[in-house]
N, C-alpha and C. Protein backbone atom coordinates (compact mmCIF):
# COMPACT_ATOMS: atom_id res chain seq x y z
N MET A 1 33.37 -9.84 37.18
CA MET A 1 32.84 -9.86 38.52
C MET A 1 33.58 -8.85 39.37
N SER A 2 32.86 -7.97 39.98
CA SER A 2 33.45 -6.92 40.78
C SER A 2 33.29 -7.24 42.27
N VAL A 3 34.35 -7.02 43.03
CA VAL A 3 34.31 -7.27 44.47
C VAL A 3 34.12 -5.95 45.18
N PRO A 4 33.11 -5.84 46.06
CA PRO A 4 32.92 -4.59 46.80
C PRO A 4 34.15 -4.26 47.64
N LYS A 5 34.52 -2.99 47.66
CA LYS A 5 35.73 -2.58 48.37
C LYS A 5 35.62 -2.66 49.88
N ASN A 6 34.40 -2.59 50.42
CA ASN A 6 34.26 -2.53 51.87
C ASN A 6 34.11 -3.91 52.52
N THR A 7 34.29 -4.99 51.78
CA THR A 7 34.21 -6.32 52.36
C THR A 7 35.61 -6.85 52.64
N ALA A 8 35.66 -7.94 53.41
CA ALA A 8 36.95 -8.55 53.72
C ALA A 8 37.60 -9.10 52.46
N LEU A 9 36.80 -9.66 51.56
CA LEU A 9 37.34 -10.18 50.30
C LEU A 9 37.90 -9.05 49.44
N GLY A 10 37.25 -7.89 49.45
CA GLY A 10 37.75 -6.73 48.71
C GLY A 10 39.08 -6.25 49.26
N TRP A 11 39.19 -6.22 50.58
CA TRP A 11 40.45 -5.81 51.20
C TRP A 11 41.54 -6.81 50.86
N LEU A 12 41.20 -8.10 50.91
CA LEU A 12 42.18 -9.15 50.64
C LEU A 12 42.67 -9.10 49.20
N THR A 13 41.78 -8.87 48.24
CA THR A 13 42.21 -8.79 46.84
C THR A 13 43.05 -7.55 46.57
N ARG A 14 42.72 -6.43 47.21
CA ARG A 14 43.55 -5.22 47.05
C ARG A 14 44.93 -5.44 47.65
N TYR A 15 45.00 -6.12 48.81
CA TYR A 15 46.28 -6.40 49.45
C TYR A 15 47.10 -7.36 48.60
N ALA A 16 46.46 -8.39 48.04
CA ALA A 16 47.17 -9.37 47.22
C ALA A 16 47.72 -8.74 45.94
N ALA A 17 47.07 -7.71 45.45
CA ALA A 17 47.54 -7.04 44.24
C ALA A 17 48.87 -6.32 44.47
N THR A 18 49.20 -6.00 45.71
CA THR A 18 50.46 -5.31 45.99
C THR A 18 51.60 -6.26 46.26
N LEU A 19 51.34 -7.57 46.35
CA LEU A 19 52.38 -8.54 46.67
C LEU A 19 53.15 -8.96 45.43
N ARG A 20 54.39 -9.38 45.63
CA ARG A 20 55.20 -9.87 44.51
C ARG A 20 54.78 -11.27 44.10
N PHE A 21 54.40 -12.11 45.08
CA PHE A 21 54.05 -13.49 44.81
C PHE A 21 52.70 -13.83 45.46
N PRO A 22 51.60 -13.29 44.97
CA PRO A 22 50.31 -13.52 45.64
C PRO A 22 49.86 -14.98 45.60
N ASN A 23 50.13 -15.70 44.53
CA ASN A 23 49.73 -17.10 44.46
C ASN A 23 50.53 -17.96 45.44
N LEU A 24 51.80 -17.67 45.59
CA LEU A 24 52.63 -18.41 46.52
C LEU A 24 52.21 -18.16 47.96
N VAL A 25 51.85 -16.93 48.27
CA VAL A 25 51.36 -16.61 49.62
C VAL A 25 50.06 -17.36 49.89
N ALA A 26 49.16 -17.41 48.92
CA ALA A 26 47.90 -18.14 49.10
C ALA A 26 48.15 -19.63 49.30
N LEU A 27 49.08 -20.20 48.56
CA LEU A 27 49.41 -21.61 48.69
C LEU A 27 49.98 -21.93 50.07
N ILE A 28 50.93 -21.13 50.52
CA ILE A 28 51.56 -21.37 51.83
C ILE A 28 50.55 -21.14 52.95
N ALA A 29 49.70 -20.13 52.83
CA ALA A 29 48.68 -19.89 53.85
C ALA A 29 47.68 -21.04 53.89
N GLY A 30 47.33 -21.59 52.72
CA GLY A 30 46.44 -22.75 52.68
C GLY A 30 47.08 -23.97 53.34
N LEU A 31 48.36 -24.20 53.07
CA LEU A 31 49.08 -25.30 53.72
C LEU A 31 49.14 -25.10 55.24
N PHE A 32 49.29 -23.85 55.66
CA PHE A 32 49.33 -23.54 57.09
C PHE A 32 48.01 -23.91 57.75
N VAL A 33 46.90 -23.53 57.14
CA VAL A 33 45.58 -23.85 57.71
C VAL A 33 45.35 -25.36 57.71
N LEU A 34 45.73 -26.04 56.62
CA LEU A 34 45.58 -27.49 56.56
C LEU A 34 46.45 -28.16 57.61
N ASP A 35 47.65 -27.65 57.82
CA ASP A 35 48.57 -28.22 58.79
C ASP A 35 48.05 -28.03 60.22
N LEU A 36 47.32 -26.96 60.46
CA LEU A 36 46.73 -26.77 61.79
C LEU A 36 45.67 -27.83 62.08
N LEU A 37 45.00 -28.32 61.05
CA LEU A 37 43.92 -29.28 61.24
C LEU A 37 44.41 -30.72 61.33
N VAL A 38 45.57 -31.03 60.75
CA VAL A 38 46.10 -32.40 60.74
C VAL A 38 47.08 -32.56 61.90
N PRO A 39 46.87 -33.58 62.76
CA PRO A 39 47.81 -33.80 63.87
C PRO A 39 49.17 -34.30 63.35
N ASP A 40 50.23 -33.96 64.06
CA ASP A 40 51.57 -34.37 63.64
C ASP A 40 52.38 -34.84 64.84
N LEU A 41 53.58 -35.38 64.56
CA LEU A 41 54.42 -35.95 65.61
C LEU A 41 55.05 -34.88 66.51
N ILE A 42 55.56 -33.84 65.92
CA ILE A 42 56.18 -32.76 66.70
C ILE A 42 55.20 -31.60 66.72
N PRO A 43 54.54 -31.39 67.83
CA PRO A 43 53.51 -30.34 67.87
C PRO A 43 54.09 -28.95 67.65
N PHE A 44 53.45 -28.19 66.80
CA PHE A 44 53.70 -26.77 66.53
C PHE A 44 55.01 -26.45 65.83
N ALA A 45 55.88 -27.41 65.55
CA ALA A 45 57.14 -27.10 64.87
C ALA A 45 56.88 -26.67 63.44
N ASP A 46 56.13 -27.47 62.70
CA ASP A 46 55.86 -27.11 61.31
C ASP A 46 54.85 -25.98 61.20
N GLU A 47 53.96 -25.83 62.17
CA GLU A 47 53.03 -24.71 62.16
C GLU A 47 53.77 -23.38 62.29
N ILE A 48 54.75 -23.37 63.18
CA ILE A 48 55.54 -22.16 63.37
C ILE A 48 56.32 -21.84 62.09
N PHE A 49 56.92 -22.87 61.47
CA PHE A 49 57.68 -22.67 60.23
C PHE A 49 56.78 -22.13 59.12
N LEU A 50 55.63 -22.76 58.90
CA LEU A 50 54.74 -22.30 57.83
C LEU A 50 54.16 -20.92 58.13
N GLY A 51 53.88 -20.64 59.38
CA GLY A 51 53.39 -19.31 59.74
C GLY A 51 54.42 -18.24 59.47
N LEU A 52 55.67 -18.50 59.84
CA LEU A 52 56.74 -17.53 59.58
C LEU A 52 57.00 -17.37 58.08
N LEU A 53 56.95 -18.48 57.33
CA LEU A 53 57.14 -18.41 55.89
C LEU A 53 56.02 -17.61 55.22
N THR A 54 54.80 -17.80 55.68
CA THR A 54 53.68 -17.03 55.15
C THR A 54 53.85 -15.54 55.42
N MET A 55 54.26 -15.19 56.64
CA MET A 55 54.46 -13.77 56.97
C MET A 55 55.62 -13.18 56.17
N LEU A 56 56.67 -13.96 55.95
CA LEU A 56 57.80 -13.47 55.16
C LEU A 56 57.38 -13.18 53.73
N LEU A 57 56.66 -14.11 53.11
CA LEU A 57 56.22 -13.90 51.73
C LEU A 57 55.21 -12.77 51.63
N ALA A 58 54.37 -12.62 52.64
CA ALA A 58 53.38 -11.55 52.61
C ALA A 58 54.02 -10.17 52.80
N SER A 59 55.23 -10.13 53.35
CA SER A 59 55.90 -8.84 53.55
C SER A 59 56.65 -8.38 52.30
N LEU A 60 56.83 -9.26 51.33
CA LEU A 60 57.52 -8.88 50.09
C LEU A 60 56.56 -8.16 49.17
N ARG A 61 56.77 -6.91 48.99
CA ARG A 61 55.92 -6.08 48.12
C ARG A 61 56.49 -6.04 46.73
N ARG A 62 55.66 -5.63 45.80
CA ARG A 62 56.13 -5.42 44.44
C ARG A 62 57.08 -4.25 44.41
N ARG A 63 58.13 -4.37 43.64
CA ARG A 63 59.07 -3.27 43.50
C ARG A 63 58.46 -2.21 42.60
N PRO A 64 58.62 -0.95 42.97
CA PRO A 64 58.11 0.10 42.08
C PRO A 64 58.92 0.11 40.79
N PRO A 65 58.29 0.48 39.68
CA PRO A 65 59.04 0.51 38.41
C PRO A 65 60.19 1.50 38.48
N ARG A 66 61.29 1.12 37.87
CA ARG A 66 62.47 1.98 37.88
C ARG A 66 62.26 3.11 36.89
N GLU A 67 62.59 4.30 37.33
CA GLU A 67 62.50 5.46 36.45
C GLU A 67 63.90 5.83 36.01
N SER A 68 64.08 5.96 34.70
CA SER A 68 65.39 6.36 34.21
C SER A 68 65.44 7.88 34.20
N SER A 69 66.31 8.42 35.01
CA SER A 69 66.41 9.88 35.12
C SER A 69 67.26 10.46 34.00
N GLY A 70 68.02 9.61 33.33
CA GLY A 70 68.87 10.12 32.25
C GLY A 70 70.10 10.82 32.80
N GLY A 71 70.31 10.77 34.11
CA GLY A 71 71.45 11.44 34.72
C GLY A 71 72.74 10.65 34.59
N GLY A 72 72.62 9.34 34.35
CA GLY A 72 73.81 8.52 34.23
C GLY A 72 74.51 8.81 32.92
N ARG A 73 75.83 8.73 32.93
CA ARG A 73 76.59 9.06 31.73
C ARG A 73 77.30 7.81 31.23
N VAL A 74 77.08 7.45 29.99
CA VAL A 74 77.71 6.29 29.38
C VAL A 74 78.74 6.78 28.39
N ILE A 75 79.96 6.26 28.51
CA ILE A 75 81.03 6.65 27.59
C ILE A 75 81.28 5.49 26.64
N ASP A 76 81.13 5.73 25.37
CA ASP A 76 81.38 4.73 24.36
C ASP A 76 82.76 4.98 23.79
N ILE A 77 83.69 4.08 24.06
CA ILE A 77 85.08 4.25 23.63
C ILE A 77 85.18 4.28 22.11
N GLU A 78 84.37 3.48 21.43
CA GLU A 78 84.44 3.44 19.98
C GLU A 78 83.96 4.74 19.34
N ALA A 79 83.17 5.52 20.06
CA ALA A 79 82.64 6.75 19.50
C ALA A 79 83.57 7.94 19.73
N LEU A 80 84.63 7.76 20.52
CA LEU A 80 85.57 8.85 20.77
C LEU A 80 86.36 9.18 19.51
N PRO A 81 86.71 10.46 19.33
CA PRO A 81 87.59 10.81 18.21
C PRO A 81 88.94 10.11 18.38
N GLU A 82 89.66 9.94 17.29
CA GLU A 82 90.90 9.17 17.34
C GLU A 82 91.94 9.76 18.27
N SER A 83 92.00 11.08 18.41
CA SER A 83 93.00 11.69 19.29
C SER A 83 92.73 11.29 20.74
N GLU A 84 91.46 11.24 21.17
CA GLU A 84 91.15 10.84 22.54
C GLU A 84 91.25 9.34 22.68
N SER A 85 90.94 8.59 21.66
CA SER A 85 91.01 7.14 21.69
C SER A 85 92.44 6.68 21.89
N ASP A 86 93.44 7.41 21.30
CA ASP A 86 94.85 7.05 21.47
C ASP A 86 95.29 7.26 22.91
N GLU A 87 94.75 8.27 23.57
CA GLU A 87 95.12 8.53 24.94
C GLU A 87 94.60 7.46 25.89
N HIS A 88 93.49 6.81 25.52
CA HIS A 88 92.88 5.79 26.38
C HIS A 88 93.31 4.39 26.01
N GLY A 89 94.31 4.23 25.21
CA GLY A 89 94.83 2.92 24.88
C GLY A 89 94.19 2.30 23.66
N GLY A 90 93.46 3.06 22.90
CA GLY A 90 92.85 2.54 21.68
C GLY A 90 93.87 2.47 20.57
N SER A 91 93.54 1.77 19.47
CA SER A 91 94.52 1.65 18.38
C SER A 91 94.24 2.62 17.27
């Protein structure tokens, strides 16, 4: 099933694809909407909390994949010749 790109659902699915936790954002947003409909003892306290939590999770983007540049240098002590190994405390 393909979603047209120019609809609100298409925009929402493209946006969700860039998030790190899209299912968690949907769950918290759903709880936020449900909480707006159910009356509670302390007005707006939990609505504010869930709204802020939803915005925080929605701001977390996927990390771009790390590219290894090969510029880092790894020194393997066991691979050193014995003359250099003695200088570095090897046996």
